[in-house]
Amino acid sequence: MKNSTGRQFMSKKVTTIKDIAERLSISIATVSRALRGSSDIKRETKLAVMEMAKEMDYHPNLLASSLSSKKSKILGVVVPTINRQFWSNSISGIENVAYDKGYKVMIFQSAESFQKEVEIVETLANSRVDGILLALSKETNTYNHIQSIMDRGIPVLLFERVCSEINSSKVITDDFNGSKEVVQHLIDRGKRKIAYLSGPISLGVCEDRLNGFKEAHKDNDLHFDQNLILEISDFTFEAAENALIKLWEMEDKPDALFCFADILAIGALEASRKLGISVPEDLAIAGFGNDDICRFVTPSLTTMSQPSFEMGQLAANLILEEINSEDDEHQPHHRTIKPILVIREST
C-alpha cells in the first residue's frame, strides 16, 4: 500500500482475542471471559491473558462490546453554549463523575437554536448513547423531540434550563429564592428603584428569577415598576450596555440594577463607566452566576453563586442511576441546588 507521497508502508495488523487465544493455546471464550474479569477463570489464566494482551498491544472493540452488552458506556450532553463558565463547569462536573464510573461523554452545543437542538438529540439517540443530559435552548418551547427519545427507552435528564411538560429527572438552581435574596440585599442597602435585566421570559429559569424579583418587592411593600424590567434576548456585553443606556435616559432613574446573568452585569458595569455613573453610589449592580471574572472587574461584582460543577456531578449521578436501574418503572428525581450570595464592591 502507498501513502500520498508514493512511499510504501505496512498497515499494522489489529490484534484480536483470537490472536491471543492462539498464542496461549486456549479458547477464544476463555480469553474473552478473562479480559472481562470473570470470576470463573483462574487467577493465573487471567494474568497470562492480561500480559499477552499488553505484549500484543490488544485494544478491545468498543462497538462490539456495546452491541453485546446493549450499553455504549457513552453519555450525550447538550448545552446552549460552551463559552460561558457556568456551562463549561457543569460539563466538567458531568465528565468527572462519568469518567470515574467508566463512561465517556459526547458534548454538543445548540447555539441557542431549537432546530439544532432537535438535530443533536436525534443524532445522539442514533449513536446509541446510554443517556442524554440536556439544557434547553432559549428558542425551545415544544418538547416532542425529547419525549420521542424517552419513548424509545433512552433516559433524558434536564438540567438548569428545564420544562414542566417533560416527566424526566431534573436538576435546577433555586432561582426564585436566589433572585429574591439578591433583591433583598439591594433593598437592605437602601435601594428602592431596582431595575432588572432579564433573559427571555419563555425560559423557566428567567421566569423564576423574575418572580423572585417581584416577591422581594412585595415582601417589602415596594412599588413594582414594569418599566424597569427589560427583557434581553442576547446574553452579551453589548446588549447590557444598550439596556443601561435606555434605563439611564429615563427621567426617574433606577438606583440599583439586578441582572439575570453575570455577563449582563459586567456589560452594565462597563456602560456605567462610559456614562459616568458611580457604582455603587449612583447605581448598585448585582449579577447571577459568580463567574471567575466577577472578582477581577472594577468594582468587583456582587452576585449569586451557582455551584455549577456540583450541578454537573449531581446530574451525572442521577442519570447513571437511572441507566443502571433494574426497575422498569424508574421514577424521575428532581433536585434543587441552593445558590449563595457573594457580596462585593458593586453593591
Protein backbone atom coordinates (compact mmCIF):
# COMPACT_ATOMS: atom_id res chain seq x y z
CA MET A 1 0.00 0.00 0.00
CA LYS A 2 1.26 3.51 -0.81
CA ASN A 3 0.72 6.76 1.06
CA SER A 4 0.20 10.21 -0.51
CA THR A 5 3.96 10.60 -1.08
CA GLY A 6 4.13 7.38 -3.07
CA ARG A 7 6.11 5.53 -0.40
CA GLN A 8 5.06 2.05 0.60
CA PHE A 9 4.14 1.28 4.19
CA MET A 10 2.83 -1.69 6.07
CA SER A 11 -0.52 -1.31 7.80
CA LYS A 12 -0.37 -2.65 11.35
CA LYS A 13 -2.50 -5.75 11.95
CA VAL A 14 -5.08 -5.22 14.67
CA THR A 15 -4.74 -7.78 17.45
CA THR A 16 -7.90 -9.76 18.22
CA ILE A 17 -8.84 -12.06 21.08
CA LYS A 18 -8.41 -14.92 18.59
CA ASP A 19 -4.72 -13.99 18.22
CA ILE A 20 -4.27 -14.01 21.99
CA ALA A 21 -6.05 -17.37 22.26
CA GLU A 22 -3.78 -18.91 19.61
CA ARG A 23 -0.61 -17.63 21.31
CA LEU A 24 -1.70 -19.08 24.66
CA SER A 25 -3.29 -22.24 23.21
CA ILE A 26 -6.58 -21.59 24.99
CA SER A 27 -10.10 -20.97 23.73
CA ILE A 28 -11.41 -17.62 22.49
CA ALA A 29 -14.19 -17.83 25.09
CA THR A 30 -11.62 -18.17 27.89
CA VAL A 31 -9.72 -15.11 26.67
CA SER A 32 -12.95 -13.12 26.43
CA ARG A 33 -14.01 -14.05 29.96
CA ALA A 34 -10.54 -13.36 31.34
CA LEU A 35 -10.48 -9.88 29.80
CA ARG A 36 -13.88 -9.18 31.36
CA GLY A 37 -12.58 -10.28 34.76
CA SER A 38 -14.96 -13.22 35.00
CA SER A 39 -14.82 -15.00 38.39
CA ASP A 40 -14.88 -18.47 36.80
CA ILE A 41 -11.41 -18.00 35.27
CA LYS A 42 -8.35 -18.96 37.33
CA ARG A 43 -6.17 -16.10 38.53
CA GLU A 44 -3.06 -17.37 36.76
CA THR A 45 -5.01 -17.64 33.48
CA LYS A 46 -6.26 -14.06 33.86
CA LEU A 47 -2.72 -12.81 34.47
CA ALA A 48 -1.39 -14.71 31.45
CA VAL A 49 -4.13 -13.26 29.23
CA MET A 50 -3.56 -9.72 30.51
CA GLU A 51 0.19 -9.95 29.99
CA MET A 52 -0.22 -11.34 26.47
CA ALA A 53 -2.81 -8.66 25.63
CA LYS A 54 -0.35 -5.98 26.71
CA GLU A 55 2.52 -7.60 24.80
CA MET A 56 0.42 -7.82 21.63
CA ASP A 57 -0.94 -4.27 22.04
CA TYR A 58 -4.52 -5.51 22.20
CA HIS A 59 -7.33 -2.93 22.38
CA PRO A 60 -10.95 -4.00 22.92
CA ASN A 61 -13.51 -3.42 20.18
CA LEU A 62 -15.80 -0.98 21.97
CA LEU A 63 -18.51 -1.20 19.32
CA ALA A 64 -18.68 -4.98 19.54
CA SER A 65 -18.66 -4.78 23.32
CA SER A 66 -21.53 -2.28 23.33
CA LEU A 67 -23.57 -4.43 20.97
CA SER A 68 -23.21 -7.49 23.18
CA SER A 69 -23.89 -5.63 26.44
CA LYS A 70 -26.54 -3.35 24.90
CA LYS A 71 -24.72 -0.42 26.54
CA SER A 72 -22.35 2.00 24.83
CA LYS A 73 -20.97 3.47 28.10
CA ILE A 74 -21.37 6.90 26.47
CA LEU A 75 -23.41 9.88 27.69
CA GLY A 76 -24.57 12.72 25.45
CA VAL A 77 -24.51 16.28 26.80
CA VAL A 78 -26.25 19.20 25.09
CA VAL A 79 -25.84 22.79 26.35
CA PRO A 80 -26.77 26.15 24.80
CA THR A 81 -23.11 27.21 24.57
CA ILE A 82 -19.75 26.13 25.90
CA ASN A 83 -18.17 29.59 26.05
CA ARG A 84 -19.90 30.57 29.29
CA GLN A 85 -18.29 29.45 32.52
CA PHE A 86 -21.49 28.05 34.02
CA TRP A 87 -21.91 25.56 31.18
CA SER A 88 -18.24 24.59 30.95
CA ASN A 89 -18.14 23.99 34.71
CA SER A 90 -21.30 21.89 34.52
CA ILE A 91 -19.77 19.80 31.73
CA SER A 92 -16.63 19.31 33.84
CA GLY A 93 -18.78 18.04 36.71
CA ILE A 94 -20.59 15.62 34.41
CA GLU A 95 -17.35 14.34 32.91
CA ASN A 96 -15.77 13.97 36.35
CA VAL A 97 -18.46 11.55 37.50
CA ALA A 98 -18.82 9.80 34.15
CA TYR A 99 -15.10 9.04 33.86
CA ASP A 100 -14.95 7.63 37.40
CA LYS A 101 -17.80 5.27 36.51
CA GLY A 102 -16.35 4.09 33.21
CA TYR A 103 -18.35 6.33 30.86
CA LYS A 104 -17.27 8.67 28.09
CA VAL A 105 -19.03 11.95 27.26
CA MET A 106 -20.07 13.41 23.88
CA ILE A 107 -20.58 17.18 24.12
CA PHE A 108 -22.67 19.33 21.78
CA GLN A 109 -23.84 22.95 21.87
CA SER A 110 -27.17 24.03 20.43
CA ALA A 111 -26.03 27.66 19.98
CA GLU A 112 -29.44 28.63 21.43
CA SER A 113 -31.11 27.13 18.34
CA PHE A 114 -34.19 24.93 18.70
CA GLN A 115 -33.64 23.31 15.31
CA LYS A 116 -30.03 22.48 16.12
CA GLU A 117 -31.10 21.07 19.49
CA VAL A 118 -33.61 18.76 17.77
CA GLU A 119 -30.97 17.53 15.31
CA ILE A 120 -28.37 16.96 18.02
CA VAL A 121 -30.74 14.98 20.23
CA GLU A 122 -31.69 12.75 17.29
CA THR A 123 -28.02 12.27 16.37
CA LEU A 124 -27.19 11.23 19.93
CA ALA A 125 -30.09 8.78 20.02
CA ASN A 126 -28.98 7.21 16.73
CA SER A 127 -25.43 7.00 18.11
CA ARG A 128 -26.70 4.63 20.80
CA VAL A 129 -25.73 6.77 23.79
CA ASP A 130 -26.94 5.35 27.09
CA GLY A 131 -28.48 8.65 28.19
CA ILE A 132 -28.74 12.36 27.37
CA LEU A 133 -28.22 15.34 29.69
CA LEU A 134 -29.88 18.40 28.16
CA ALA A 135 -30.13 22.12 28.92
CA LEU A 136 -32.79 23.68 26.70
CA SER A 137 -32.04 26.39 24.15
CA LYS A 138 -33.72 29.77 24.57
CA GLU A 139 -35.83 29.04 21.45
CA THR A 140 -37.20 25.73 22.74
CA ASN A 141 -40.92 25.86 23.53
CA THR A 142 -42.09 22.48 22.21
CA TYR A 143 -40.71 19.21 23.50
CA ASN A 144 -41.77 16.39 21.16
CA HIS A 145 -38.14 15.72 20.25
CA ILE A 146 -37.37 14.97 23.90
CA GLN A 147 -40.45 12.86 24.52
CA SER A 148 -39.84 10.76 21.41
CA ILE A 149 -36.33 9.93 22.60
CA MET A 150 -37.64 8.92 26.02
CA ASP A 151 -40.33 6.79 24.36
CA ARG A 152 -37.50 4.85 22.70
CA GLY A 153 -36.19 3.95 26.14
CA ILE A 154 -33.31 6.43 26.28
CA PRO A 155 -33.09 8.24 29.64
CA VAL A 156 -33.08 12.04 29.43
CA LEU A 157 -32.15 14.38 32.28
CA LEU A 158 -32.84 18.11 32.05
CA PHE A 159 -30.58 20.48 33.98
CA GLU A 160 -30.66 24.22 34.73
CA ARG A 161 -32.93 25.05 31.79
CA VAL A 162 -35.87 22.69 32.20
CA CYS A 163 -39.59 22.48 31.40
CA SER A 164 -42.60 21.12 33.27
CA GLU A 165 -44.01 19.35 30.20
CA ILE A 166 -41.44 16.53 30.27
CA ASN A 167 -41.59 13.96 33.08
CA SER A 168 -37.86 13.33 33.43
CA SER A 169 -35.25 13.73 36.13
CA LYS A 170 -34.21 17.37 36.60
CA VAL A 171 -31.52 19.34 38.39
CA ILE A 172 -32.05 23.08 38.83
CA THR A 173 -30.86 26.07 40.81
CA ASP A 174 -33.28 27.61 43.32
CA ASP A 175 -33.66 30.60 41.02
CA PHE A 176 -36.74 32.03 42.72
CA ASN A 177 -35.21 32.30 46.19
CA GLY A 178 -31.79 33.19 44.81
CA SER A 179 -33.22 36.15 42.92
CA LYS A 180 -35.33 37.15 45.91
CA GLU A 181 -32.24 37.16 48.15
CA VAL A 182 -30.25 39.38 45.78
CA VAL A 183 -33.06 41.93 45.59
CA GLN A 184 -33.50 41.83 49.37
CA HIS A 185 -29.79 42.61 49.70
CA LEU A 186 -30.22 45.65 47.43
CA ILE A 187 -33.22 46.80 49.45
CA ASP A 188 -31.23 46.39 52.67
CA ARG A 189 -28.62 48.68 51.11
CA GLY A 190 -31.29 51.36 50.86
CA LYS A 191 -32.16 50.90 47.18
CA ARG A 192 -35.79 51.45 46.25
CA LYS A 193 -35.94 51.76 42.44
CA ILE A 194 -34.48 48.48 41.28
CA ALA A 195 -34.28 47.67 37.57
CA TYR A 196 -33.97 44.14 36.21
CA LEU A 197 -32.30 42.88 33.03
CA SER A 198 -33.98 39.55 32.27
CA GLY A 199 -33.41 36.83 29.73
CA PRO A 200 -36.35 35.58 27.61
CA ILE A 201 -39.30 35.01 29.95
CA SER A 202 -40.20 31.94 27.88
CA LEU A 203 -37.30 30.23 29.67
CA GLY A 204 -38.41 28.81 33.00
CA VAL A 205 -35.20 29.94 34.69
CA CYS A 206 -35.85 33.55 33.60
CA GLU A 207 -39.45 33.41 34.78
CA ASP A 208 -38.41 32.06 38.18
CA ARG A 209 -35.84 34.81 38.70
CA LEU A 210 -38.35 37.47 37.66
CA ASN A 211 -40.90 36.07 40.11
CA GLY A 212 -38.30 36.15 42.89
CA PHE A 213 -37.57 39.77 41.97
CA LYS A 214 -41.27 40.62 42.25
CA GLU A 215 -41.70 38.70 45.51
CA ALA A 216 -38.92 40.69 47.20
CA HIS A 217 -40.73 43.90 46.26
CA LYS A 218 -43.99 42.54 47.63
CA ASP A 219 -42.39 41.46 50.91
CA ASN A 220 -41.05 44.99 51.42
CA ASP A 221 -44.20 46.83 50.27
CA LEU A 222 -42.27 48.41 47.42
CA HIS A 223 -43.91 49.62 44.22
CA PHE A 224 -43.11 47.33 41.30
CA ASP A 225 -42.36 49.39 38.17
CA GLN A 226 -42.83 47.34 34.98
CA ASN A 227 -40.88 49.97 33.02
CA LEU A 228 -37.75 48.95 34.90
CA ILE A 229 -37.92 45.39 33.57
CA LEU A 230 -36.05 44.91 30.30
CA GLU A 231 -36.10 41.54 28.54
CA ILE A 232 -32.90 40.78 26.62
CA SER A 233 -32.70 38.01 24.06
CA ASP A 234 -28.92 38.17 23.52
CA PHE A 235 -26.69 37.39 26.51
CA THR A 236 -23.91 39.81 25.50
CA PHE A 237 -21.99 42.75 26.98
CA GLU A 238 -23.31 44.96 24.19
CA ALA A 239 -26.95 44.11 24.89
CA ALA A 240 -26.47 45.01 28.55
CA GLU A 241 -24.74 48.28 27.68
CA ASN A 242 -27.61 49.30 25.42
CA ALA A 243 -30.14 48.36 28.09
CA LEU A 244 -28.46 50.50 30.75
CA ILE A 245 -28.26 53.44 28.36
CA LYS A 246 -32.02 53.10 27.85
CA LEU A 247 -32.66 52.93 31.60
CA TRP A 248 -30.46 55.95 32.27
CA GLU A 249 -32.36 58.04 29.76
CA MET A 250 -35.46 57.75 31.97
CA GLU A 251 -36.48 60.81 33.94
CA ASP A 252 -36.90 58.72 37.09
CA LYS A 253 -33.68 56.73 37.04
CA PRO A 254 -33.13 53.43 38.90
CA ASP A 255 -30.78 53.32 41.88
CA ALA A 256 -29.98 49.61 41.51
CA LEU A 257 -29.75 47.05 38.74
CA PHE A 258 -30.12 43.28 39.07
CA CYS A 259 -29.04 41.23 36.05
CA PHE A 260 -30.17 37.74 35.07
CA ALA A 261 -26.56 36.68 34.38
CA ASP A 262 -23.08 37.94 35.22
CA ILE A 263 -22.28 38.69 31.59
CA LEU A 264 -25.10 41.25 31.58
CA ALA A 265 -24.00 42.75 34.90
CA ILE A 266 -20.43 43.16 33.64
CA GLY A 267 -21.73 44.79 30.46
CA ALA A 268 -23.72 47.17 32.68
CA LEU A 269 -20.59 47.97 34.70
CA GLU A 270 -18.78 48.94 31.51
CA ALA A 271 -21.72 51.07 30.38
CA SER A 272 -21.83 52.82 33.76
CA ARG A 273 -18.16 53.74 33.39
CA LYS A 274 -18.80 55.24 29.94
CA LEU A 275 -21.83 57.15 31.23
CA GLY A 276 -20.01 58.49 34.29
CA ILE A 277 -22.29 56.61 36.69
CA SER A 278 -20.72 55.94 40.08
CA VAL A 279 -21.14 52.31 41.23
CA PRO A 280 -22.49 51.62 43.81
CA GLU A 281 -23.22 55.20 44.94
CA ASP A 282 -25.44 56.20 41.99
CA LEU A 283 -26.28 52.68 40.86
CA ALA A 284 -25.70 49.38 42.66
CA ILE A 285 -25.25 46.43 40.28
CA ALA A 286 -25.64 42.70 41.01
CA GLY A 287 -25.48 39.60 38.83
CA PHE A 288 -26.21 35.88 38.99
CA GLY A 289 -23.71 33.06 38.48
CA ASN A 290 -20.40 34.10 40.11
CA ASP A 291 -18.15 33.62 37.09
CA ASP A 292 -14.44 34.00 37.92
CA ILE A 293 -14.30 37.38 36.20
CA CYS A 294 -16.65 38.84 38.85
CA ARG A 295 -13.71 39.05 41.27
CA PHE A 296 -11.49 40.97 38.87
CA VAL A 297 -13.72 43.65 37.34
CA THR A 298 -13.75 47.12 38.92
CA PRO A 299 -15.69 47.42 41.11
CA SER A 300 -15.85 43.69 41.88
CA LEU A 301 -19.31 42.30 41.25
CA THR A 302 -21.86 41.21 43.84
CA THR A 303 -23.56 38.09 42.53
CA MET A 304 -25.43 34.92 43.40
CA SER A 305 -23.02 32.00 43.20
CA GLN A 306 -24.26 28.89 41.39
CA PRO A 307 -22.39 25.64 42.19
CA SER A 308 -22.27 24.62 38.53
CA PHE A 309 -19.61 21.91 38.88
CA GLU A 310 -21.65 20.26 41.63
CA MET A 311 -24.77 20.55 39.47
CA GLY A 312 -22.99 18.61 36.73
CA GLN A 313 -21.88 15.95 39.20
CA LEU A 314 -25.38 15.55 40.60
CA ALA A 315 -26.91 15.39 37.12
CA ALA A 316 -24.45 12.69 36.02
CA ASN A 317 -25.04 10.61 39.14
CA LEU A 318 -28.81 10.77 38.67
CA ILE A 319 -28.83 9.73 35.02
CA LEU A 320 -26.32 6.92 35.65
CA GLU A 321 -28.54 5.68 38.46
CA GLU A 322 -31.44 5.58 36.00
CA ILE A 323 -29.37 3.93 33.26
CA ASN A 324 -28.22 1.16 35.59
CA SER A 325 -31.53 0.70 37.39
CA GLU A 326 -33.16 -2.70 37.01
CA ASP A 327 -36.55 -1.13 37.75
CA ASP A 328 -38.53 -0.68 34.53
CA GLU A 329 -40.68 1.93 36.30
CA HIS A 330 -37.79 4.10 37.47
CA GLN A 331 -39.22 7.29 38.95
CA PRO A 332 -37.71 10.64 37.93
CA HIS A 333 -35.77 12.55 40.57
CA HIS A 334 -35.94 16.33 40.97
CA ARG A 335 -33.07 18.08 42.75
CA THR A 336 -32.73 21.78 43.58
CA ILE A 337 -29.37 23.36 44.41
CA LYS A 338 -29.25 26.42 46.66
CA PRO A 339 -27.16 29.34 45.38
CA ILE A 340 -25.09 31.51 47.74
CA LEU A 341 -25.00 35.32 47.80
CA VAL A 342 -21.49 36.74 47.36
CA ILE A 343 -21.31 40.42 48.34
CA ARG A 344 -18.62 42.54 46.70
CA GLU A 345 -17.92 46.20 45.91
CA SER A 346 -20.63 46.81 43.28
CA THR A 347 -23.38 46.99 45.93
